[in-house]
Amino acid sequence: METGIWQVILHDGRYRGVRRKADNSALLALLGRLPVPEAGLWP
């Protein structure tokens, strides 16, 4: 069962815990705020 960035872990129908998934949308938003390098500056 998955809800947003949290993934509920079930084993034999019983609750075992939660696992946090990477928040890719927040990472992409942060990368979008970085300045764009000029052409030829990056290999």
Protein backbone atom coordinates (compact mmCIF):
# COMPACT_ATOMS: atom_id res chain seq x y z
CA MET A 1 0.00 0.00 0.00
CA GLU A 2 1.49 3.36 -1.01
CA THR A 3 0.40 6.85 -0.02
CA GLY A 4 2.51 9.78 -1.24
CA ILE A 5 6.10 9.59 -0.04
CA TRP A 6 5.29 7.01 2.64
CA GLN A 7 5.04 3.31 1.83
CA VAL A 8 3.28 1.13 4.40
CA ILE A 9 4.89 -2.28 4.89
CA LEU A 10 2.48 -5.16 5.46
CA HIS A 11 3.45 -8.80 6.03
CA ASP A 12 0.78 -11.50 6.06
CA GLY A 13 -1.82 -8.74 6.28
CA ARG A 14 -0.31 -7.24 9.42
CA TYR A 15 1.34 -3.85 9.83
CA ARG A 16 5.15 -4.00 9.96
CA GLY A 17 6.15 -0.36 9.54
CA VAL A 18 6.61 2.42 7.01
CA ARG A 19 9.30 3.25 4.51
CA ARG A 20 9.92 6.78 3.28
CA LYS A 21 10.37 7.14 -0.46
CA ALA A 22 12.48 9.80 -2.19
CA ASP A 23 10.65 13.08 -2.84
CA ASN A 24 11.70 13.58 -6.47
CA SER A 25 9.40 16.55 -7.05
CA ALA A 26 11.14 18.54 -4.29
CA LEU A 27 14.55 17.60 -5.70
CA LEU A 28 13.57 18.71 -9.21
CA ALA A 29 12.18 21.99 -7.86
CA LEU A 30 15.48 22.65 -6.07
CA LEU A 31 17.50 21.83 -9.20
CA GLY A 32 15.29 24.18 -11.21
CA ARG A 33 16.33 27.07 -8.96
CA LEU A 34 20.03 26.62 -9.78
CA PRO A 35 21.53 28.97 -12.38
CA VAL A 36 21.81 27.52 -15.88
CA PRO A 37 25.47 27.16 -16.92
CA GLU A 38 26.62 28.91 -20.09
CA ALA A 39 27.22 26.73 -23.14
CA GLY A 40 30.71 25.26 -23.17
CA LEU A 41 31.44 25.70 -19.47
CA TRP A 42 30.54 22.12 -18.54
CA PRO A 43 32.21 19.11 -20.13
